[in-house]
C-alpha atoms as a PDB file:
ATOM      1  CA  MET A   1       0.048  -0.468  -0.016  1.00  0.00           C
ATOM      2  CA  GLU A   2       2.933   2.580   1.041  1.00  0.00           C
ATOM      3  CA  LYS A   3       4.660   1.965  -2.884  1.00  0.00           C
ATOM      4  CA  ILE A   4       1.495   2.133  -4.388  1.00  0.00           C
ATOM      5  CA  LEU A   5       0.962   5.401  -2.384  1.00  0.00           C
ATOM      6  CA  LEU A   6       4.451   6.679  -3.301  1.00  0.00           C
ATOM      7  CA  ILE A   7       4.496   5.944  -6.934  1.00  0.00           C
ATOM      8  CA  ALA A   8       0.637   7.626  -6.922  1.00  0.00           C
ATOM      9  CA  VAL A   9       1.822  10.774  -4.947  1.00  0.00           C
ATOM     10  CA  CYS A  10       5.372  10.575  -7.837  1.00  0.00           C
ATOM     11  CA  LEU A  11       2.709  10.262 -10.776  1.00  0.00           C
ATOM     12  CA  ILE A  12       0.456  12.421  -9.819  1.00  0.00           C
ATOM     13  CA  ALA A  13       2.432  15.590  -8.795  1.00  0.00           C
ATOM     14  CA  SER A  14       5.308  15.806 -12.219  1.00  0.00           C
ATOM     15  CA  ALA A  15       1.471  14.900 -14.434  1.00  0.00           C
ATOM     16  CA  ALA A  16      -0.231  18.134 -12.191  1.00  0.00           C
ATOM     17  CA  PHE A  17       3.131  20.198 -12.295  1.00  0.00           C
ATOM     18  CA  ALA A  18       5.119  19.330 -15.503  1.00  0.00           C
ATOM     19  CA  GLU A  19       4.516  22.270 -18.640  1.00  0.00           C
ATOM     20  CA  SER A  20       3.663  21.266 -21.651  1.00  0.00           C
ATOM     21  CA  ASN A  21       5.470  22.752 -24.481  1.00  0.00           C
ATOM     22  CA  LEU A  22       2.909  21.569 -27.673  1.00  0.00           C
ATOM     23  CA  PRO A  23       0.406  23.403 -29.009  1.00  0.00           C
ATOM     24  CA  GLN A  24      -3.458  22.671 -27.369  1.00  0.00           C
ATOM     25  CA  GLY A  25      -4.770  20.213 -28.634  1.00  0.00           C
ATOM     26  CA  GLN A  26      -1.346  17.574 -30.056  1.00  0.00           C
ATOM     27  CA  GLY A  27       0.705  16.042 -27.653  1.00  0.00           C
ATOM     28  CA  GLY A  28      -1.743  13.564 -25.314  1.00  0.00           C
ATOM     29  CA  ASN A  29      -4.483  13.013 -27.659  1.00  0.00           C
ATOM     30  CA  GLU A  30      -3.193  11.741 -30.388  1.00  0.00           C
ATOM     31  CA  SER A  31      -2.441   8.448 -31.659  1.00  0.00           C
ATOM     32  CA  PRO A  32       1.247   6.957 -32.752  1.00  0.00           C
ATOM     33  CA  GLU A  33       0.552   7.408 -35.708  1.00  0.00           C
ATOM     34  CA  GLN A  34      -1.151  10.983 -35.798  1.00  0.00           C
ATOM     35  CA  MET A  35       2.391  11.891 -33.941  1.00  0.00           C
ATOM     36  CA  ARG A  36       4.531   9.599 -35.905  1.00  0.00           C
ATOM     37  CA  GLN A  37       2.853  11.865 -39.182  1.00  0.00           C
ATOM     38  CA  ARG A  38       2.923  14.988 -37.194  1.00  0.00           C
ATOM     39  CA  ILE A  39       7.095  14.792 -36.651  1.00  0.00           C
ATOM     40  CA  GLU A  40       7.495  13.258 -40.319  1.00  0.00           C
ATOM     41  CA  GLU A  41       5.435  16.948 -41.046  1.00  0.00           C
ATOM     42  CA  MET A  42       7.850  19.221 -39.446  1.00  0.00           C
ATOM     43  CA  GLN A  43      11.268  17.309 -40.954  1.00  0.00           C
ATOM     44  CA  ARG A  44      10.384  16.960 -44.131  1.00  0.00           C
ATOM     45  CA  PRO A  45      13.189  18.856 -45.591  1.00  0.00           C
ATOM     46  CA  GLY A  46      12.583  22.029 -47.802  1.00  0.00           C
ATOM     47  CA  ARG A  47       9.334  22.547 -45.428  1.00  0.00           C
ATOM     48  CA  GLU A  48       8.082  26.304 -45.170  1.00  0.00           C
ATOM     49  CA  MET A  49       9.007  27.604 -41.793  1.00  0.00           C
ATOM     50  CA  PRO A  50       6.583  30.021 -40.359  1.00  0.00           C
ATOM     51  CA  GLN A  51       7.970  34.236 -40.435  1.00  0.00           C
ATOM     52  CA  VAL A  52       7.235  34.837 -36.990  1.00  0.00           C
ATOM     53  CA  SER A  53       9.109  37.735 -35.653  1.00  0.00           C
ATOM     54  CA  PRO A  54      10.868  37.016 -31.773  1.00  0.00           C
ATOM     55  CA  ASN A  55       9.060  39.410 -30.737  1.00  0.00           C
ATOM     56  CA  GLU A  56       5.458  38.318 -31.678  1.00  0.00           C
ATOM     57  CA  THR A  57       3.344  36.378 -29.046  1.00  0.00           C
ATOM     58  CA  ILE A  58       0.087  34.551 -29.751  1.00  0.00           C
ATOM     59  CA  SER A  59      -2.232  36.765 -27.812  1.00  0.00           C
ATOM     60  CA  ILE A  60      -5.391  34.678 -25.973  1.00  0.00           C
ATOM     61  CA  PRO A  61      -7.747  36.957 -24.707  1.00  0.00           C
ATOM     62  CA  TYR A  62      -7.610  38.368 -20.590  1.00  0.00           C
ATOM     63  CA  LYS A  63     -10.616  36.444 -19.826  1.00  0.00           C
ATOM     64  CA  GLN A  64      -9.843  33.275 -21.219  1.00  0.00           C
ATOM     65  CA  GLN A  65      -6.079  33.369 -19.284  1.00  0.00           C
ATOM     66  CA  LEU A  66      -7.252  33.836 -17.006  1.00  0.00           C
ATOM     67  CA  ALA A  67     -10.307  31.004 -16.697  1.00  0.00           C
ATOM     68  CA  GLN A  68      -7.448  28.536 -17.835  1.00  0.00           C
ATOM     69  CA  GLU A  69      -5.776  29.447 -14.933  1.00  0.00           C
ATOM     70  CA  TYR A  70      -7.495  28.899 -12.866  1.00  0.00           C
ATOM     71  CA  GLN A  71      -8.743  25.755 -13.896  1.00  0.00           C
ATOM     72  CA  LYS A  72      -4.562  24.456 -13.716  1.00  0.00           C
ATOM     73  CA  HIS A  73      -5.158  25.883  -9.850  1.00  0.00           C
ATOM     74  CA  ASN A  74      -8.014  23.970  -8.632  1.00  0.00           C
ATOM     75  CA  TYR A  75      -7.396  21.012 -10.852  1.00  0.00           C
ATOM     76  CA  ARG A  76      -3.812  21.371  -8.866  1.00  0.00           C
ATOM     77  CA  VAL A  77      -5.713  21.661  -6.038  1.00  0.00           C
ATOM     78  CA  ALA A  78      -7.938  18.774  -6.204  1.00  0.00           C
ATOM     79  CA  VAL A  79      -5.148  16.275  -6.973  1.00  0.00           C
ATOM     80  CA  LEU A  80      -3.057  17.807  -3.266  1.00  0.00           C
ATOM     81  CA  GLU A  81      -5.999  17.140  -1.283  1.00  0.00           C
ATOM     82  CA  ARG A  82      -7.409  13.793  -2.734  1.00  0.00           C
ATOM     83  CA  ILE A  83      -2.993  12.435  -1.973  1.00  0.00           C
ATOM     84  CA  ARG A  84      -3.371  14.357   1.171  1.00  0.00           C
ATOM     85  CA  GLU A  85      -6.307  12.422   1.842  1.00  0.00           C
ATOM     86  CA  LEU A  86      -4.783   8.828   0.658  1.00  0.00           C
ATOM     87  CA  ALA A  87      -2.027   9.571   2.796  1.00  0.00           C
ATOM     88  CA  ARG A  88      -4.109   9.673   6.214  1.00  0.00           C
ATOM     89  CA  GLU A  89      -6.076   7.000   5.306  1.00  0.00           C
ATOM     90  CA  ALA A  90      -2.208   5.066   5.115  1.00  0.00           C
ATOM     91  CA  GLY A  91      -0.751   7.371   8.279  1.00  0.00           C
ATOM     92  CA  ARG A  92       1.703   8.486   6.132  1.00  0.00           C
ATOM     93  CA  ALA A  93       2.621  12.058   7.618  1.00  0.00           C
ATOM     94  CA  ASP A  94       6.127  12.608   5.716  1.00  0.00           C
ATOM     95  CA  ILE A  95       3.752  12.545   2.716  1.00  0.00           C
ATOM     96  CA  ILE A  96       1.779  14.931   4.047  1.00  0.00           C
ATOM     97  CA  SER A  97       3.819  17.466   4.946  1.00  0.00           C
ATOM     98  CA  LYS A  98       5.772  17.116   0.584  1.00  0.00           C
ATOM     99  CA  VAL A  99       1.565  17.991  -0.119  1.00  0.00           C
ATOM    100  CA  ASP A 100       1.439  20.352   2.558  1.00  0.00           C
ATOM    101  CA  GLU A 101       4.785  22.156   0.945  1.00  0.00           C
ATOM    102  CA  LEU A 102       3.745  21.024  -2.816  1.00  0.00           C
ATOM    103  CA  MET A 103       0.597  22.981  -1.478  1.00  0.00           C
ATOM    104  CA  LYS A 104       2.163  26.198  -0.870  1.00  0.00           C
ATOM    105  CA  LEU A 105       4.172  26.339  -3.870  1.00  0.00           C
ATOM    106  CA  GLU A 106       0.825  26.374  -5.760  1.00  0.00           C
ATOM    107  CA  ASN A 107      -0.326  29.261  -4.089  1.00  0.00           C
ATOM    108  CA  ASN A 108       2.557  30.985  -4.416  1.00  0.00           C
ATOM    109  CA  ARG A 109       2.139  30.108  -8.356  1.00  0.00           C
ATOM    110  CA  HIS A 110      -0.729  30.662  -8.387  1.00  0.00           C
ATOM    111  CA  VAL A 111      -0.820  33.856  -7.019  1.00  0.00           C
ATOM    112  CA  LYS A 112       2.576  35.449  -9.036  1.00  0.00           C
ATOM    113  CA  LYS A 113       0.563  34.166 -12.054  1.00  0.00           C
ATOM    114  CA  ILE A 114      -2.900  35.821 -11.276  1.00  0.00           C
ATOM    115  CA  ASN A 115      -0.993  39.326 -10.433  1.00  0.00           C
ATOM    116  CA  LYS A 116       1.688  38.325 -13.682  1.00  0.00           C
ATOM    117  CA  LEU A 117      -2.324  38.828 -15.659  1.00  0.00           C
ATOM    118  CA  GLN A 118      -3.690  41.559 -14.262  1.00  0.00           C
ATOM    119  CA  PHE A 119      -0.867  43.423 -14.810  1.00  0.00           C
ATOM    120  CA  ARG A 120      -0.352  42.920 -18.164  1.00  0.00           C
ATOM    121  CA  ALA A 121      -4.411  43.523 -18.773  1.00  0.00           C
ATOM    122  CA  LYS A 122      -3.696  47.403 -17.290  1.00  0.00           C
END
């Protein structure tokens, strides 16, 4: 039970806190064949690269960014609370303390992100 709980903590925490640099809609939900085709297309010689200036960014509306941030934060907090509940049932104080540390980090990350979004919106 302890090994399963520890593995669950590691897997869920790493999945919850990993940042993907794939465009939205690509990655985990595509089949291996689709992924292979996308990689081959990207590696095809003579492929035209999109012309984007280094200072140009893709703009997402403020409200959508805010909604995405709250969704991400709520998911991460829910995962950590579930891990804490499982650790409490198993009597694992060490895991509970790690989850508390991760919760503090997540709350700090969330506050910084919200402040950054609000500053940009002004």
